[in-house]
């Protein structure tokens, strides 16, 4: 049976750099409800990362993500000076030295990934959406979070991909293949949205039109969150939904602001922030010795 929701897991490491030349090796492990990422930094620069599906066991997911990130590098967990756990499963990272909230880590990670000009960060995750205001150092000033339902999240989009038998990577592009925007489906509950979409398919709506209606609903729901905090440029989007052009383009149209282009995998922001916090904490630890 084809699993249309299944997105591509990825890993990367800098083959042009030898981690042994570095002084401070740190890691951030972000165990989320849907995906887990491990990020390794050498002297504050990205060296390796993995991005994979979270399993039923958070500690095991953390271990697998870390093992995959350092695979083939010659690096072992013993070589890492400090590890920060973040995400929903942050207290279940068995090899972490400290747990830090995903809010703080995403702001810090976005600051690194998009530059110090970022002031508003939208993290569209697997089971929630977060809007964060931050300063030039990536320090959180304010935030709002919606975790009441999966309708406006990555998990909701996975449900729709399976319902319509469309590979999840193709959802965004297909949703733009409509002559005019249809009215949005329910954006308050993924169960209602699924029922409504099923009814529309029975009425003869093409899949592209149903997806357009759902992507439009997701974009509008996020805008209401952004308005609660206030949108200040520069604006960055992190998380898996940031890869969905159907949602991003509609969101940009509603707020009248273009999101900054991503230089890295948008799903690793939390892990990046965790690794940067780990670097600061390692410096303090070594300075105290």
Protein backbone atom coordinates (compact mmCIF):
# COMPACT_ATOMS: atom_id res chain seq x y z
CA UNK A 1 0.00 0.00 0.00
CA UNK A 2 1.42 3.37 -1.03
CA UNK A 3 1.97 5.80 1.84
CA UNK A 4 1.45 9.15 0.14
CA UNK A 5 2.14 11.09 3.33
CA UNK A 6 5.68 9.73 3.61
CA UNK A 7 8.14 12.56 3.01
CA UNK A 8 11.79 12.07 2.15
CA UNK A 9 14.14 11.72 5.10
CA UNK A 10 17.48 13.47 4.60
CA UNK A 11 20.97 13.75 6.00
CA UNK A 12 24.06 15.80 5.14
CA UNK A 13 27.56 16.45 6.34
CA UNK A 14 30.30 18.80 5.19
CA UNK A 15 32.70 16.54 3.31
CA UNK A 16 35.16 19.41 2.84
CA UNK A 17 35.74 19.83 6.57
CA UNK A 18 37.47 17.65 9.14
CA UNK A 19 35.73 17.96 12.49
CA UNK A 20 39.02 17.07 14.17
CA UNK A 21 40.29 20.55 13.29
CA UNK A 22 37.58 22.12 15.42
CA UNK A 23 37.70 23.02 19.10
CA UNK A 24 34.02 23.07 20.11
CA UNK A 25 31.80 20.27 18.84
CA UNK A 26 28.16 20.58 19.87
CA UNK A 27 24.80 19.15 18.90
CA UNK A 28 21.12 19.96 19.05
CA UNK A 29 18.55 17.16 18.92
CA UNK A 30 14.99 18.22 18.16
CA UNK A 31 12.49 15.44 18.83
CA UNK A 32 9.13 16.57 17.53
CA UNK A 33 5.77 14.85 17.35
CA UNK A 34 6.20 14.01 13.66
CA UNK A 35 9.89 14.46 12.81
CA UNK A 36 13.24 14.40 14.60
CA UNK A 37 16.43 16.23 13.67
CA UNK A 38 19.98 16.03 14.94
CA UNK A 39 22.35 18.89 14.09
CA UNK A 40 26.09 18.89 14.73
CA UNK A 41 28.13 22.09 14.72
CA UNK A 42 31.87 22.55 14.77
CA UNK A 43 32.94 25.88 16.24
CA UNK A 44 29.48 27.30 15.61
CA UNK A 45 29.29 26.27 11.95
CA UNK A 46 26.95 23.66 10.54
CA UNK A 47 28.78 20.37 10.03
CA UNK A 48 26.13 17.63 9.82
CA UNK A 49 22.42 17.02 10.22
CA UNK A 50 19.72 14.40 9.87
CA UNK A 51 15.97 14.80 9.40
CA UNK A 52 13.81 11.73 9.92
CA UNK A 53 10.40 10.50 11.05
CA UNK A 54 9.81 10.34 14.81
CA UNK A 55 8.98 6.83 15.98
CA UNK A 56 6.81 5.71 18.89
CA UNK A 57 9.78 5.87 21.28
CA UNK A 58 11.25 9.38 21.78
CA UNK A 59 14.61 8.27 23.27
CA UNK A 60 15.09 5.82 20.41
CA UNK A 61 14.14 8.49 17.85
CA UNK A 62 16.76 10.80 19.36
CA UNK A 63 19.43 8.10 19.16
CA UNK A 64 18.57 7.21 15.57
CA UNK A 65 18.62 10.84 14.47
CA UNK A 66 22.02 11.41 16.10
CA UNK A 67 23.49 8.18 14.75
CA UNK A 68 22.36 9.04 11.23
CA UNK A 69 23.71 12.59 11.41
CA UNK A 70 27.23 11.43 12.28
CA UNK A 71 27.19 8.33 10.06
CA UNK A 72 30.28 8.16 7.87
CA UNK A 73 32.00 11.13 9.53
CA UNK A 74 34.21 9.23 11.98
CA UNK A 75 32.60 11.30 14.72
CA UNK A 76 31.15 9.54 17.77
CA UNK A 77 28.84 10.81 20.48
CA UNK A 78 31.80 10.83 22.87
CA UNK A 79 33.47 13.45 20.67
CA UNK A 80 30.54 15.87 21.12
CA UNK A 81 31.24 18.30 23.95
CA UNK A 82 27.66 19.34 24.73
CA UNK A 83 24.21 18.26 23.55
CA UNK A 84 20.96 20.21 23.91
CA UNK A 85 17.61 18.45 23.57
CA UNK A 86 14.62 20.40 22.26
CA UNK A 87 11.14 19.83 20.84
CA UNK A 88 8.24 17.95 22.41
CA UNK A 89 10.57 15.11 23.35
CA UNK A 90 13.38 17.29 24.71
CA UNK A 91 13.30 15.67 28.15
CA UNK A 92 13.56 12.25 26.52
CA UNK A 93 16.90 12.74 24.77
CA UNK A 94 18.94 10.31 26.88
CA UNK A 95 22.37 11.73 25.99
CA UNK A 96 21.52 15.45 26.27
CA UNK A 97 23.25 17.72 28.79
CA UNK A 98 20.38 20.20 28.93
CA UNK A 99 16.82 20.62 27.60
CA UNK A 100 15.72 23.95 26.07
CA UNK A 101 12.29 24.85 24.70
CA UNK A 102 11.63 24.69 20.98
CA UNK A 103 10.51 28.34 21.02
CA UNK A 104 13.97 29.55 22.08
CA UNK A 105 15.76 27.09 19.79
CA UNK A 106 13.71 27.95 16.69
CA UNK A 107 14.34 31.66 17.15
CA UNK A 108 18.07 31.10 17.61
CA UNK A 109 18.18 28.67 14.70
CA UNK A 110 16.30 31.02 12.36
CA UNK A 111 18.74 33.79 13.30
CA UNK A 112 21.60 31.57 12.10
CA UNK A 113 19.83 30.19 9.03
CA UNK A 114 18.30 33.40 7.69
CA UNK A 115 20.51 36.10 9.22
CA UNK A 116 20.26 38.60 12.09
CA UNK A 117 17.68 40.74 10.26
CA UNK A 118 14.92 38.18 10.99
CA UNK A 119 12.29 39.57 13.34
CA UNK A 120 9.28 37.27 12.77
CA UNK A 121 9.60 33.49 12.64
CA UNK A 122 6.73 31.21 11.67
CA UNK A 123 7.34 27.58 12.56
CA UNK A 124 4.82 25.31 10.88
CA UNK A 125 5.46 21.99 12.56
CA UNK A 126 3.92 18.55 12.62
CA UNK A 127 1.31 19.15 15.32
CA UNK A 128 1.38 22.90 15.99
CA UNK A 129 2.15 26.32 14.58
CA UNK A 130 4.26 28.89 16.40
CA UNK A 131 4.84 32.57 15.63
CA UNK A 132 7.90 34.07 17.31
CA UNK A 133 9.16 37.66 17.48
CA UNK A 134 12.91 37.89 18.03
CA UNK A 135 15.75 40.41 18.07
CA UNK A 136 19.00 40.59 16.11
CA UNK A 137 20.57 37.93 18.36
CA UNK A 138 17.71 35.48 17.93
CA UNK A 139 16.37 36.13 21.44
CA UNK A 140 12.62 35.63 21.85
CA UNK A 141 10.58 38.77 22.53
CA UNK A 142 7.08 37.36 22.17
CA UNK A 143 5.35 34.29 20.77
CA UNK A 144 1.98 32.67 20.22
CA UNK A 145 1.27 29.01 19.62
CA UNK A 146 -1.63 27.01 18.26
CA UNK A 147 -1.70 23.32 19.15
CA UNK A 148 -5.45 22.73 19.45
CA UNK A 149 -5.83 20.69 16.26
CA UNK A 150 -3.72 19.21 13.46
CA UNK A 151 -5.75 20.99 10.74
CA UNK A 152 -3.18 23.72 10.21
CA UNK A 153 -0.08 21.56 10.61
CA UNK A 154 2.11 19.06 8.83
CA UNK A 155 0.14 16.12 10.19
CA UNK A 156 -3.03 17.60 8.73
CA UNK A 157 -1.34 17.85 5.34
CA UNK A 158 -0.21 14.23 5.61
CA UNK A 159 -3.84 13.20 6.17
CA UNK A 160 -4.87 15.09 3.05
CA UNK A 161 -2.06 13.62 0.95
CA UNK A 162 -3.25 10.12 1.85
CA UNK A 163 -6.91 11.00 1.33
CA UNK A 164 -6.27 12.29 -2.19
CA UNK A 165 -3.52 9.76 -3.04
CA UNK A 166 -1.07 12.56 -3.88
CA UNK A 167 2.61 12.34 -2.82
CA UNK A 168 3.04 14.98 -0.14
CA UNK A 169 5.94 16.67 -1.99
CA UNK A 170 3.56 17.36 -4.92
CA UNK A 171 0.68 18.83 -2.90
CA UNK A 172 1.85 22.45 -3.03
CA UNK A 173 2.45 22.60 -6.78
CA UNK A 174 -0.79 20.78 -7.57
CA UNK A 175 -2.79 23.17 -5.38
CA UNK A 176 -1.67 26.06 -7.60
CA UNK A 177 -2.99 24.40 -10.77
CA UNK A 178 -6.43 26.03 -10.53
CA UNK A 179 -7.92 28.80 -12.66
CA UNK A 180 -9.36 30.60 -9.65
CA UNK A 181 -9.18 30.16 -5.88
CA UNK A 182 -12.05 28.08 -4.43
CA UNK A 183 -13.55 28.90 -1.02
CA UNK A 184 -11.45 27.37 1.78
CA UNK A 185 -12.48 24.18 3.54
CA UNK A 186 -12.73 23.98 7.32
CA UNK A 187 -9.53 25.04 9.03
CA UNK A 188 -10.62 24.44 12.61
CA UNK A 189 -10.56 20.64 12.68
CA UNK A 190 -8.77 18.09 10.50
CA UNK A 191 -11.69 15.63 10.88
CA UNK A 192 -14.18 18.21 9.59
CA UNK A 193 -11.78 19.26 6.82
CA UNK A 194 -11.35 15.64 5.71
CA UNK A 195 -15.13 15.08 5.68
CA UNK A 196 -15.68 18.27 3.72
CA UNK A 197 -12.97 17.36 1.20
CA UNK A 198 -14.48 13.90 0.71
CA UNK A 199 -17.86 15.50 -0.02
CA UNK A 200 -16.27 17.89 -2.54
CA UNK A 201 -14.60 14.98 -4.35
CA UNK A 202 -17.99 13.26 -4.61
CA UNK A 203 -19.38 16.45 -6.12
CA UNK A 204 -16.77 16.17 -8.85
CA UNK A 205 -14.16 18.65 -7.69
CA UNK A 206 -10.70 17.84 -9.13
CA UNK A 207 -7.98 17.05 -6.60
CA UNK A 208 -6.13 20.27 -7.43
CA UNK A 209 -9.18 22.34 -6.47
CA UNK A 210 -9.68 20.46 -3.18
CA UNK A 211 -6.01 20.95 -2.32
CA UNK A 212 -6.25 24.64 -3.22
CA UNK A 213 -9.17 24.99 -0.80
CA UNK A 214 -7.23 23.25 1.98
CA UNK A 215 -3.97 25.15 1.40
CA UNK A 216 -5.93 28.39 1.37
CA UNK A 217 -7.55 27.48 4.69
CA UNK A 218 -4.17 26.64 6.25
CA UNK A 219 -2.65 29.91 5.06
CA UNK A 220 -5.55 31.94 6.43
CA UNK A 221 -5.40 30.16 9.78
CA UNK A 222 -1.71 31.02 10.09
CA UNK A 223 -2.37 34.67 9.25
CA UNK A 224 -4.63 34.96 12.29
CA UNK A 225 -1.74 33.74 14.44
CA UNK A 226 0.69 36.18 12.83
CA UNK A 227 -1.69 39.04 13.49
CA UNK A 228 -1.77 38.19 17.21
CA UNK A 229 1.96 38.78 17.53
CA UNK A 230 2.35 41.36 14.77
CA UNK A 231 4.34 40.77 11.61
CA UNK A 232 7.64 42.60 11.40
CA UNK A 233 10.10 42.14 8.57
CA UNK A 234 12.27 40.29 7.92
CA UNK A 235 10.01 37.25 7.93
CA UNK A 236 11.15 33.59 7.90
CA UNK A 237 9.31 30.27 7.82
CA UNK A 238 10.67 27.09 9.39
CA UNK A 239 9.31 23.54 9.62
CA UNK A 240 8.16 21.04 7.03
CA UNK A 241 5.21 23.07 5.73
CA UNK A 242 7.70 25.76 4.66
CA UNK A 243 8.45 23.40 1.75
CA UNK A 244 4.84 23.61 0.51
CA UNK A 245 4.71 26.38 -2.09
CA UNK A 246 0.93 26.20 -2.19
CA UNK A 247 0.64 27.35 1.42
CA UNK A 248 3.63 29.69 1.41
CA UNK A 249 2.57 31.61 -1.71
CA UNK A 250 -0.98 32.04 -0.40
CA UNK A 251 0.32 33.15 2.98
CA UNK A 252 2.64 35.69 1.36
CA UNK A 253 -0.28 37.00 -0.68
CA UNK A 254 -2.42 37.54 2.42
CA UNK A 255 0.20 39.37 4.46
CA UNK A 256 1.87 41.19 1.57
CA UNK A 257 5.36 40.12 2.66
CA UNK A 258 7.74 37.67 0.97
CA UNK A 259 9.36 35.10 3.22
CA UNK A 260 13.15 34.97 3.15
CA UNK A 261 14.52 32.17 0.95
CA UNK A 262 15.80 29.14 2.82
CA UNK A 263 19.53 28.33 2.63
CA UNK A 264 19.18 25.10 4.61
CA UNK A 265 16.56 22.43 5.19
CA UNK A 266 13.76 24.36 6.92
CA UNK A 267 13.10 21.47 9.31
CA UNK A 268 16.46 21.72 11.10
CA UNK A 269 15.96 25.17 12.67
CA UNK A 270 15.24 23.80 16.14
CA UNK A 271 18.26 21.52 16.04
CA UNK A 272 20.47 24.36 14.80
CA UNK A 273 19.32 26.56 17.68
CA UNK A 274 19.94 23.73 20.12
CA UNK A 275 23.49 23.22 18.82
CA UNK A 276 24.19 26.97 19.14
CA UNK A 277 22.90 27.04 22.71
CA UNK A 278 25.08 23.99 23.36
CA UNK A 279 28.12 25.90 22.10
CA UNK A 280 27.47 28.79 24.49
CA UNK A 281 26.94 26.39 27.39
CA UNK A 282 30.08 24.43 26.52
CA UNK A 283 32.13 27.64 26.52
CA UNK A 284 30.81 28.46 30.00
CA UNK A 285 31.52 24.94 31.20
CA UNK A 286 35.08 24.99 29.91
CA UNK A 287 35.64 28.50 31.28
CA UNK A 288 34.54 27.37 34.71
CA UNK A 289 37.03 24.50 34.77
